[in-house]
Amino acid sequence: MTPEGKVKKEVGKILAEHGVYYFYPVATGMGRAGIPDIIGCHKGHFIAIECKAGKNKTTALQERELDLIMLAGGISLVINETNLDHLRNIFL
């Protein structure tokens, strides 16, 4: 499993623990570039999560999508192996 794959797996565990409805959008030629790795909903709140590992950074397209989600009132996060607690804390 890739380092980013491990982060996605941990994020999935956290989301499941908190009863979040979530899925991993499939990147195909019909979708939009930059869509976050995980889309979810918790108690009526839209959640978008971009998973990264190590020193990997978001692309300009990913940043645009995350910003648009926040502007629309959703929660957008960039999660890596060092800030998994940030994700846990939004459910407190």
PDB file of N, CA and C in Angstrom:
ATOM      1  N   MET A   1       0.849  -1.175   0.000  1.00  0.00           N
ATOM      2  CA  MET A   1       0.000   0.000   0.000  1.00  0.00           C
ATOM      3  C   MET A   1       0.899   1.245   0.000  1.00  0.00           C
ATOM      4  N   THR A   2       0.507   2.225  -0.791  1.00  0.00           N
ATOM      5  CA  THR A   2       1.277   3.467  -0.875  1.00  0.00           C
ATOM      6  C   THR A   2       1.126   4.257   0.430  1.00  0.00           C
ATOM      7  N   PRO A   3       2.061   5.185   0.701  1.00  0.00           N
ATOM      8  CA  PRO A   3       1.907   6.035   1.893  1.00  0.00           C
ATOM      9  C   PRO A   3       0.580   6.800   1.887  1.00  0.00           C
ATOM     10  N   GLU A   4       0.170   7.321   0.725  1.00  0.00           N
ATOM     11  CA  GLU A   4      -1.109   8.025   0.649  1.00  0.00           C
ATOM     12  C   GLU A   4      -2.271   7.062   0.871  1.00  0.00           C
ATOM     13  N   GLY A   5      -2.130   5.848   0.382  1.00  0.00           N
ATOM     14  CA  GLY A   5      -3.149   4.829   0.602  1.00  0.00           C
ATOM     15  C   GLY A   5      -3.337   4.534   2.084  1.00  0.00           C
ATOM     16  N   LYS A   6      -2.248   4.536   2.846  1.00  0.00           N
ATOM     17  CA  LYS A   6      -2.329   4.322   4.290  1.00  0.00           C
ATOM     18  C   LYS A   6      -3.080   5.462   4.967  1.00  0.00           C
ATOM     19  N   VAL A   7      -2.833   6.692   4.509  1.00  0.00           N
ATOM     20  CA  VAL A   7      -3.549   7.844   5.065  1.00  0.00           C
ATOM     21  C   VAL A   7      -5.041   7.709   4.759  1.00  0.00           C
ATOM     22  N   LYS A   8      -5.373   7.360   3.523  1.00  0.00           N
ATOM     23  CA  LYS A   8      -6.785   7.184   3.146  1.00  0.00           C
ATOM     24  C   LYS A   8      -7.450   6.121   4.007  1.00  0.00           C
ATOM     25  N   LYS A   9      -6.749   5.036   4.277  1.00  0.00           N
ATOM     26  CA  LYS A   9      -7.294   3.959   5.098  1.00  0.00           C
ATOM     27  C   LYS A   9      -7.576   4.462   6.515  1.00  0.00           C
ATOM     28  N   GLU A  10      -6.650   5.211   7.093  1.00  0.00           N
ATOM     29  CA  GLU A  10      -6.840   5.748   8.439  1.00  0.00           C
ATOM     30  C   GLU A  10      -7.993   6.752   8.474  1.00  0.00           C
ATOM     31  N   VAL A  11      -8.079   7.591   7.451  1.00  0.00           N
ATOM     32  CA  VAL A  11      -9.182   8.554   7.366  1.00  0.00           C
ATOM     33  C   VAL A  11     -10.509   7.806   7.302  1.00  0.00           C
ATOM     34  N   GLY A  12     -10.569   6.757   6.497  1.00  0.00           N
ATOM     35  CA  GLY A  12     -11.785   5.954   6.394  1.00  0.00           C
ATOM     36  C   GLY A  12     -12.194   5.362   7.734  1.00  0.00           C
ATOM     37  N   LYS A  13     -11.219   4.896   8.513  1.00  0.00           N
ATOM     38  CA  LYS A  13     -11.510   4.341   9.838  1.00  0.00           C
ATOM     39  C   LYS A  13     -12.116   5.409  10.749  1.00  0.00           C
ATOM     40  N   ILE A  14     -11.513   6.600  10.737  1.00  0.00           N
ATOM     41  CA  ILE A  14     -12.004   7.690  11.587  1.00  0.00           C
ATOM     42  C   ILE A  14     -13.428   8.064  11.186  1.00  0.00           C
ATOM     43  N   LEU A  15     -13.663   8.189   9.898  1.00  0.00           N
ATOM     44  CA  LEU A  15     -14.997   8.553   9.428  1.00  0.00           C
ATOM     45  C   LEU A  15     -16.019   7.497   9.824  1.00  0.00           C
ATOM     46  N   ALA A  16     -15.673   6.231   9.665  1.00  0.00           N
ATOM     47  CA  ALA A  16     -16.584   5.145  10.022  1.00  0.00           C
ATOM     48  C   ALA A  16     -16.885   5.149  11.523  1.00  0.00           C
ATOM     49  N   GLU A  17     -15.868   5.413  12.343  1.00  0.00           N
ATOM     50  CA  GLU A  17     -16.055   5.462  13.796  1.00  0.00           C
ATOM     51  C   GLU A  17     -17.088   6.512  14.203  1.00  0.00           C
ATOM     52  N   HIS A  18     -17.192   7.568  13.411  1.00  0.00           N
ATOM     53  CA  HIS A  18     -18.076   8.677  13.753  1.00  0.00           C
ATOM     54  C   HIS A  18     -19.373   8.670  12.945  1.00  0.00           C
ATOM     55  N   GLY A  19     -19.649   7.584  12.258  1.00  0.00           N
ATOM     56  CA  GLY A  19     -20.909   7.447  11.532  1.00  0.00           C
ATOM     57  C   GLY A  19     -21.052   8.372  10.345  1.00  0.00           C
ATOM     58  N   VAL A  20     -19.941   8.728   9.736  1.00  0.00           N
ATOM     59  CA  VAL A  20     -19.964   9.608   8.571  1.00  0.00           C
ATOM     60  C   VAL A  20     -20.308   8.796   7.327  1.00  0.00           C
ATOM     61  N   TYR A  21     -21.231   9.302   6.529  1.00  0.00           N
ATOM     62  CA  TYR A  21     -21.460   8.732   5.194  1.00  0.00           C
ATOM     63  C   TYR A  21     -20.335   9.267   4.322  1.00  0.00           C
ATOM     64  N   TYR A  22     -19.593   8.382   3.644  1.00  0.00           N
ATOM     65  CA  TYR A  22     -18.495   8.851   2.798  1.00  0.00           C
ATOM     66  C   TYR A  22     -18.257   7.890   1.648  1.00  0.00           C
ATOM     67  N   PHE A  23     -17.579   8.422   0.624  1.00  0.00           N
ATOM     68  CA  PHE A  23     -17.173   7.603  -0.507  1.00  0.00           C
ATOM     69  C   PHE A  23     -15.936   8.216  -1.153  1.00  0.00           C
ATOM     70  N   TYR A  24     -15.294   7.407  -1.978  1.00  0.00           N
ATOM     71  CA  TYR A  24     -14.107   7.817  -2.715  1.00  0.00           C
ATOM     72  C   TYR A  24     -14.527   8.042  -4.169  1.00  0.00           C
ATOM     73  N   PRO A  25     -14.605   9.283  -4.620  1.00  0.00           N
ATOM     74  CA  PRO A  25     -15.012   9.520  -6.007  1.00  0.00           C
ATOM     75  C   PRO A  25     -14.044   8.859  -6.991  1.00  0.00           C
ATOM     76  N   VAL A  26     -14.600   8.282  -8.022  1.00  0.00           N
ATOM     77  CA  VAL A  26     -13.782   7.644  -9.051  1.00  0.00           C
ATOM     78  C   VAL A  26     -13.355   8.708 -10.055  1.00  0.00           C
ATOM     79  N   ALA A  27     -12.068   8.795 -10.278  1.00  0.00           N
ATOM     80  CA  ALA A  27     -11.538   9.770 -11.243  1.00  0.00           C
ATOM     81  C   ALA A  27     -11.627   9.175 -12.641  1.00  0.00           C
ATOM     82  N   THR A  28     -12.533   9.715 -13.439  1.00  0.00           N
ATOM     83  CA  THR A  28     -12.671   9.264 -14.823  1.00  0.00           C
ATOM     84  C   THR A  28     -12.617  10.472 -15.735  1.00  0.00           C
ATOM     85  N   GLY A  29     -12.651  10.251 -16.999  1.00  0.00           N
ATOM     86  CA  GLY A  29     -12.617  11.346 -17.967  1.00  0.00           C
ATOM     87  C   GLY A  29     -13.845  12.239 -17.910  1.00  0.00           C
ATOM     88  N   MET A  30     -14.900  11.785 -17.237  1.00  0.00           N
ATOM     89  CA  MET A  30     -16.140  12.559 -17.162  1.00  0.00           C
ATOM     90  C   MET A  30     -16.182  13.472 -15.942  1.00  0.00           C
ATOM     91  N   GLY A  31     -15.258  13.312 -14.996  1.00  0.00           N
ATOM     92  CA  GLY A  31     -15.274  14.107 -13.775  1.00  0.00           C
ATOM     93  C   GLY A  31     -14.494  15.404 -13.911  1.00  0.00           C
ATOM     94  N   ARG A  32     -14.453  16.165 -12.820  1.00  0.00           N
ATOM     95  CA  ARG A  32     -13.689  17.400 -12.773  1.00  0.00           C
ATOM     96  C   ARG A  32     -12.337  17.143 -12.148  1.00  0.00           C
ATOM     97  N   ALA A  33     -11.321  17.779 -12.673  1.00  0.00           N
ATOM     98  CA  ALA A  33      -9.976  17.650 -12.119  1.00  0.00           C
ATOM     99  C   ALA A  33      -9.924  18.348 -10.766  1.00  0.00           C
ATOM    100  N   GLY A  34      -9.199  17.761  -9.835  1.00  0.00           N
ATOM    101  CA  GLY A  34      -8.989  18.375  -8.542  1.00  0.00           C
ATOM    102  C   GLY A  34      -9.990  17.996  -7.467  1.00  0.00           C
ATOM    103  N   ILE A  35     -10.946  17.128  -7.792  1.00  0.00           N
ATOM    104  CA  ILE A  35     -11.950  16.719  -6.808  1.00  0.00           C
ATOM    105  C   ILE A  35     -11.239  16.006  -5.648  1.00  0.00           C
ATOM    106  N   PRO A  36     -11.617  16.313  -4.402  1.00  0.00           N
ATOM    107  CA  PRO A  36     -10.964  15.679  -3.249  1.00  0.00           C
ATOM    108  C   PRO A  36     -11.090  14.158  -3.252  1.00  0.00           C
ATOM    109  N   ASP A  37     -10.191  13.511  -2.515  1.00  0.00           N
ATOM    110  CA  ASP A  37     -10.131  12.054  -2.467  1.00  0.00           C
ATOM    111  C   ASP A  37     -11.357  11.427  -1.818  1.00  0.00           C
ATOM    112  N   ILE A  38     -11.898  12.101  -0.793  1.00  0.00           N
ATOM    113  CA  ILE A  38     -13.020  11.540  -0.044  1.00  0.00           C
ATOM    114  C   ILE A  38     -14.093  12.613   0.109  1.00  0.00           C
ATOM    115  N   ILE A  39     -15.331  12.223  -0.156  1.00  0.00           N
ATOM    116  CA  ILE A  39     -16.487  13.107   0.003  1.00  0.00           C
ATOM    117  C   ILE A  39     -17.393  12.472   1.050  1.00  0.00           C
ATOM    118  N   GLY A  40     -17.905  13.288   1.969  1.00  0.00           N
ATOM    119  CA  GLY A  40     -18.756  12.731   3.005  1.00  0.00           C
ATOM    120  C   GLY A  40     -19.793  13.706   3.517  1.00  0.00           C
ATOM    121  N   CYS A  41     -20.654  13.185   4.384  1.00  0.00           N
ATOM    122  CA  CYS A  41     -21.676  13.993   5.025  1.00  0.00           C
ATOM    123  C   CYS A  41     -21.833  13.494   6.459  1.00  0.00           C
ATOM    124  N   HIS A  42     -21.838  14.446   7.397  1.00  0.00           N
ATOM    125  CA  HIS A  42     -22.004  14.103   8.804  1.00  0.00           C
ATOM    126  C   HIS A  42     -22.938  15.113   9.456  1.00  0.00           C
ATOM    127  N   LYS A  43     -24.077  14.624   9.924  1.00  0.00           N
ATOM    128  CA  LYS A  43     -25.075  15.470  10.586  1.00  0.00           C
ATOM    129  C   LYS A  43     -25.413  16.705   9.754  1.00  0.00           C
ATOM    130  N   GLY A  44     -25.575  16.481   8.455  1.00  0.00           N
ATOM    131  CA  GLY A  44     -25.962  17.554   7.550  1.00  0.00           C
ATOM    132  C   GLY A  44     -24.836  18.425   7.052  1.00  0.00           C
ATOM    133  N   HIS A  45     -23.602  18.117   7.412  1.00  0.00           N
ATOM    134  CA  HIS A  45     -22.453  18.910   6.983  1.00  0.00           C
ATOM    135  C   HIS A  45     -21.683  18.174   5.882  1.00  0.00           C
ATOM    136  N   PHE A  46     -21.450  18.872   4.781  1.00  0.00           N
ATOM    137  CA  PHE A  46     -20.687  18.335   3.661  1.00  0.00           C
ATOM    138  C   PHE A  46     -19.206  18.380   4.025  1.00  0.00           C
ATOM    139  N   ILE A  47     -18.510  17.268   3.813  1.00  0.00           N
ATOM    140  CA  ILE A  47     -17.091  17.165   4.152  1.00  0.00           C
ATOM    141  C   ILE A  47     -16.323  16.675   2.927  1.00  0.00           C
ATOM    142  N   ALA A  48     -15.222  17.362   2.619  1.00  0.00           N
ATOM    143  CA  ALA A  48     -14.342  16.948   1.528  1.00  0.00           C
ATOM    144  C   ALA A  48     -12.925  16.837   2.085  1.00  0.00           C
ATOM    145  N   ILE A  49     -12.271  15.734   1.798  1.00  0.00           N
ATOM    146  CA  ILE A  49     -10.940  15.490   2.347  1.00  0.00           C
ATOM    147  C   ILE A  49      -9.974  15.130   1.230  1.00  0.00           C
ATOM    148  N   GLU A  50      -8.893  15.863   1.164  1.00  0.00           N
ATOM    149  CA  GLU A  50      -7.780  15.545   0.274  1.00  0.00           C
ATOM    150  C   GLU A  50      -6.712  14.897   1.137  1.00  0.00           C
ATOM    151  N   CYS A  51      -6.291  13.694   0.780  1.00  0.00           N
ATOM    152  CA  CYS A  51      -5.284  12.960   1.543  1.00  0.00           C
ATOM    153  C   CYS A  51      -3.916  13.109   0.884  1.00  0.00           C
ATOM    154  N   LYS A  52      -2.929  13.372   1.696  1.00  0.00           N
ATOM    155  CA  LYS A  52      -1.554  13.489   1.231  1.00  0.00           C
ATOM    156  C   LYS A  52      -0.666  12.700   2.176  1.00  0.00           C
ATOM    157  N   ALA A  53       0.531  12.392   1.725  1.00  0.00           N
ATOM    158  CA  ALA A  53       1.502  11.697   2.564  1.00  0.00           C
ATOM    159  C   ALA A  53       2.848  12.402   2.457  1.00  0.00           C
ATOM    160  N   GLY A  54       3.584  12.360   3.540  1.00  0.00           N
ATOM    161  CA  GLY A  54       4.904  12.978   3.535  1.00  0.00           C
ATOM    162  C   GLY A  54       4.833  14.463   3.264  1.00  0.00           C
ATOM    163  N   LYS A  55       5.678  14.918   2.377  1.00  0.00           N
ATOM    164  CA  LYS A  55       5.734  16.345   2.052  1.00  0.00           C
ATOM    165  C   LYS A  55       4.927  16.700   0.812  1.00  0.00           C
ATOM    166  N   ASN A  56       4.095  15.763   0.357  1.00  0.00           N
ATOM    167  CA  ASN A  56       3.274  16.049  -0.821  1.00  0.00           C
ATOM    168  C   ASN A  56       2.334  17.207  -0.533  1.00  0.00           C
ATOM    169  N   LYS A  57       2.167  18.055  -1.521  1.00  0.00           N
ATOM    170  CA  LYS A  57       1.318  19.248  -1.412  1.00  0.00           C
ATOM    171  C   LYS A  57       0.144  19.130  -2.374  1.00  0.00           C
ATOM    172  N   THR A  58      -0.895  19.884  -2.098  1.00  0.00           N
ATOM    173  CA  THR A  58      -2.032  19.921  -3.001  1.00  0.00           C
ATOM    174  C   THR A  58      -1.667  20.674  -4.273  1.00  0.00           C
ATOM    175  N   THR A  59      -2.329  20.312  -5.355  1.00  0.00           N
ATOM    176  CA  THR A  59      -2.130  21.017  -6.619  1.00  0.00           C
ATOM    177  C   THR A  59      -3.023  22.253  -6.642  1.00  0.00           C
ATOM    178  N   ALA A  60      -2.791  23.119  -7.600  1.00  0.00           N
ATOM    179  CA  ALA A  60      -3.617  24.320  -7.747  1.00  0.00           C
ATOM    180  C   ALA A  60      -5.081  23.936  -7.992  1.00  0.00           C
ATOM    181  N   LEU A  61      -5.325  22.900  -8.785  1.00  0.00           N
ATOM    182  CA  LEU A  61      -6.699  22.455  -9.038  1.00  0.00           C
ATOM    183  C   LEU A  61      -7.357  21.917  -7.765  1.00  0.00           C
ATOM    184  N   GLN A  62      -6.606  21.181  -6.967  1.00  0.00           N
ATOM    185  CA  GLN A  62      -7.145  20.668  -5.711  1.00  0.00           C
ATOM    186  C   GLN A  62      -7.462  21.815  -4.757  1.00  0.00           C
ATOM    187  N   GLU A  63      -6.578  22.794  -4.685  1.00  0.00           N
ATOM    188  CA  GLU A  63      -6.811  23.963  -3.829  1.00  0.00           C
ATOM    189  C   GLU A  63      -8.067  24.708  -4.265  1.00  0.00           C
ATOM    190  N   ARG A  64      -8.246  24.842  -5.578  1.00  0.00           N
ATOM    191  CA  ARG A  64      -9.433  25.525  -6.096  1.00  0.00           C
ATOM    192  C   ARG A  64     -10.705  24.813  -5.640  1.00  0.00           C
ATOM    193  N   GLU A  65     -10.736  23.497  -5.775  1.00  0.00           N
ATOM    194  CA  GLU A  65     -11.916  22.737  -5.383  1.00  0.00           C
ATOM    195  C   GLU A  65     -12.170  22.822  -3.883  1.00  0.00           C
ATOM    196  N   LEU A  66     -11.119  22.712  -3.085  1.00  0.00           N
ATOM    197  CA  LEU A  66     -11.271  22.811  -1.633  1.00  0.00           C
ATOM    198  C   LEU A  66     -11.784  24.197  -1.236  1.00  0.00           C
ATOM    199  N   ASP A  67     -11.283  25.234  -1.889  1.00  0.00           N
ATOM    200  CA  ASP A  67     -11.748  26.600  -1.624  1.00  0.00           C
ATOM    201  C   ASP A  67     -13.214  26.779  -2.015  1.00  0.00           C
ATOM    202  N   LEU A  68     -13.607  26.243  -3.161  1.00  0.00           N
ATOM    203  CA  LEU A  68     -15.004  26.358  -3.600  1.00  0.00           C
ATOM    204  C   LEU A  68     -15.946  25.642  -2.633  1.00  0.00           C
ATOM    205  N   ILE A  69     -15.508  24.523  -2.101  1.00  0.00           N
ATOM    206  CA  ILE A  69     -16.314  23.787  -1.129  1.00  0.00           C
ATOM    207  C   ILE A  69     -16.494  24.617   0.132  1.00  0.00           C
ATOM    208  N   MET A  70     -15.419  25.237   0.614  1.00  0.00           N
ATOM    209  CA  MET A  70     -15.527  26.083   1.806  1.00  0.00           C
ATOM    210  C   MET A  70     -16.421  27.288   1.547  1.00  0.00           C
ATOM    211  N   LEU A  71     -16.294  27.904   0.381  1.00  0.00           N
ATOM    212  CA  LEU A  71     -17.127  29.057   0.044  1.00  0.00           C
ATOM    213  C   LEU A  71     -18.607  28.689  -0.015  1.00  0.00           C
ATOM    214  N   ALA A  72     -18.897  27.439  -0.338  1.00  0.00           N
ATOM    215  CA  ALA A  72     -20.280  26.965  -0.404  1.00  0.00           C
ATOM    216  C   ALA A  72     -20.798  26.511   0.964  1.00  0.00           C
ATOM    217  N   GLY A  73     -19.957  26.611   1.989  1.00  0.00           N
ATOM    218  CA  GLY A  73     -20.389  26.258   3.343  1.00  0.00           C
ATOM    219  C   GLY A  73     -19.999  24.870   3.795  1.00  0.00           C
ATOM    220  N   GLY A  74     -19.219  24.162   2.986  1.00  0.00           N
ATOM    221  CA  GLY A  74     -18.773  22.824   3.356  1.00  0.00           C
ATOM    222  C   GLY A  74     -17.485  22.865   4.159  1.00  0.00           C
ATOM    223  N   ILE A  75     -17.091  21.719   4.638  1.00  0.00           N
ATOM    224  CA  ILE A  75     -15.828  21.558   5.364  1.00  0.00           C
ATOM    225  C   ILE A  75     -14.841  20.912   4.404  1.00  0.00           C
ATOM    226  N   SER A  76     -13.690  21.542   4.214  1.00  0.00           N
ATOM    227  CA  SER A  76     -12.665  20.931   3.361  1.00  0.00           C
ATOM    228  C   SER A  76     -11.365  20.850   4.147  1.00  0.00           C
ATOM    229  N   LEU A  77     -10.737  19.690   4.057  1.00  0.00           N
ATOM    230  CA  LEU A  77      -9.527  19.414   4.827  1.00  0.00           C
ATOM    231  C   LEU A  77      -8.468  18.768   3.957  1.00  0.00           C
ATOM    232  N   VAL A  78      -7.217  19.046   4.294  1.00  0.00           N
ATOM    233  CA  VAL A  78      -6.093  18.312   3.729  1.00  0.00           C
ATOM    234  C   VAL A  78      -5.501  17.541   4.901  1.00  0.00           C
ATOM    235  N   ILE A  79      -5.538  16.233   4.805  1.00  0.00           N
ATOM    236  CA  ILE A  79      -5.107  15.375   5.910  1.00  0.00           C
ATOM    237  C   ILE A  79      -3.901  14.540   5.469  1.00  0.00           C
ATOM    238  N   ASN A  80      -2.915  14.466   6.372  1.00  0.00           N
ATOM    239  CA  ASN A  80      -1.768  13.582   6.159  1.00  0.00           C
ATOM    240  C   ASN A  80      -1.514  12.818   7.450  1.00  0.00           C
ATOM    241  N   GLU A  81      -0.447  12.039   7.474  1.00  0.00           N
ATOM    242  CA  GLU A  81      -0.196  11.189   8.635  1.00  0.00           C
ATOM    243  C   GLU A  81       0.117  11.991   9.901  1.00  0.00           C
ATOM    244  N   THR A  82       0.462  13.258   9.768  1.00  0.00           N
ATOM    245  CA  THR A  82       0.819  14.054  10.944  1.00  0.00           C
ATOM    246  C   THR A  82      -0.359  14.823  11.541  1.00  0.00           C
ATOM    247  N   ASN A  83      -1.482  14.934  10.828  1.00  0.00           N
ATOM    248  CA  ASN A  83      -2.596  15.728  11.354  1.00  0.00           C
ATOM    249  C   ASN A  83      -3.926  14.958  11.392  1.00  0.00           C
ATOM    250  N   LEU A  84      -3.853  13.650  11.539  1.00  0.00           N
ATOM    251  CA  LEU A  84      -5.073  12.842  11.645  1.00  0.00           C
ATOM    252  C   LEU A  84      -5.922  13.271  12.842  1.00  0.00           C
ATOM    253  N   ASP A  85      -5.283  13.771  13.903  1.00  0.00           N
ATOM    254  CA  ASP A  85      -6.035  14.236  15.068  1.00  0.00           C
ATOM    255  C   ASP A  85      -6.925  15.422  14.724  1.00  0.00           C
ATOM    256  N   HIS A  86      -6.520  16.227  13.770  1.00  0.00           N
ATOM    257  CA  HIS A  86      -7.355  17.365  13.334  1.00  0.00           C
ATOM    258  C   HIS A  86      -8.691  16.845  12.828  1.00  0.00           C
ATOM    259  N   LEU A  87      -8.654  15.764  12.071  1.00  0.00           N
ATOM    260  CA  LEU A  87      -9.895  15.166  11.574  1.00  0.00           C
ATOM    261  C   LEU A  87     -10.728  14.639  12.728  1.00  0.00           C
ATOM    262  N   ARG A  88     -10.096  13.942  13.653  1.00  0.00           N
ATOM    263  CA  ARG A  88     -10.825  13.408  14.818  1.00  0.00           C
ATOM    264  C   ARG A  88     -11.499  14.547  15.595  1.00  0.00           C
ATOM    265  N   ASN A  89     -10.816  15.657  15.732  1.00  0.00           N
ATOM    266  CA  ASN A  89     -11.311  16.773  16.546  1.00  0.00           C
ATOM    267  C   ASN A  89     -12.538  17.460  15.957  1.00  0.00           C
ATOM    268  N   ILE A  90     -12.761  17.364  14.662  1.00  0.00           N
ATOM    269  CA  ILE A  90     -13.946  18.039  14.118  1.00  0.00           C
ATOM    270  C   ILE A  90     -15.230  17.335  14.536  1.00  0.00           C
ATOM    271  N   PHE A  91     -15.125  16.109  15.048  1.00  0.00           N
ATOM    272  CA  PHE A  91     -16.307  15.378  15.469  1.00  0.00           C
ATOM    273  C   PHE A  91     -16.584  15.511  16.970  1.00  0.00           C
ATOM    274  N   LEU A  92     -15.773  16.276  17.680  1.00  0.00           N
ATOM    275  CA  LEU A  92     -15.963  16.446  19.137  1.00  0.00           C
ATOM    276  C   LEU A  92     -17.053  17.458  19.422  1.00  0.00           C
TER     277      LEU A  92
END
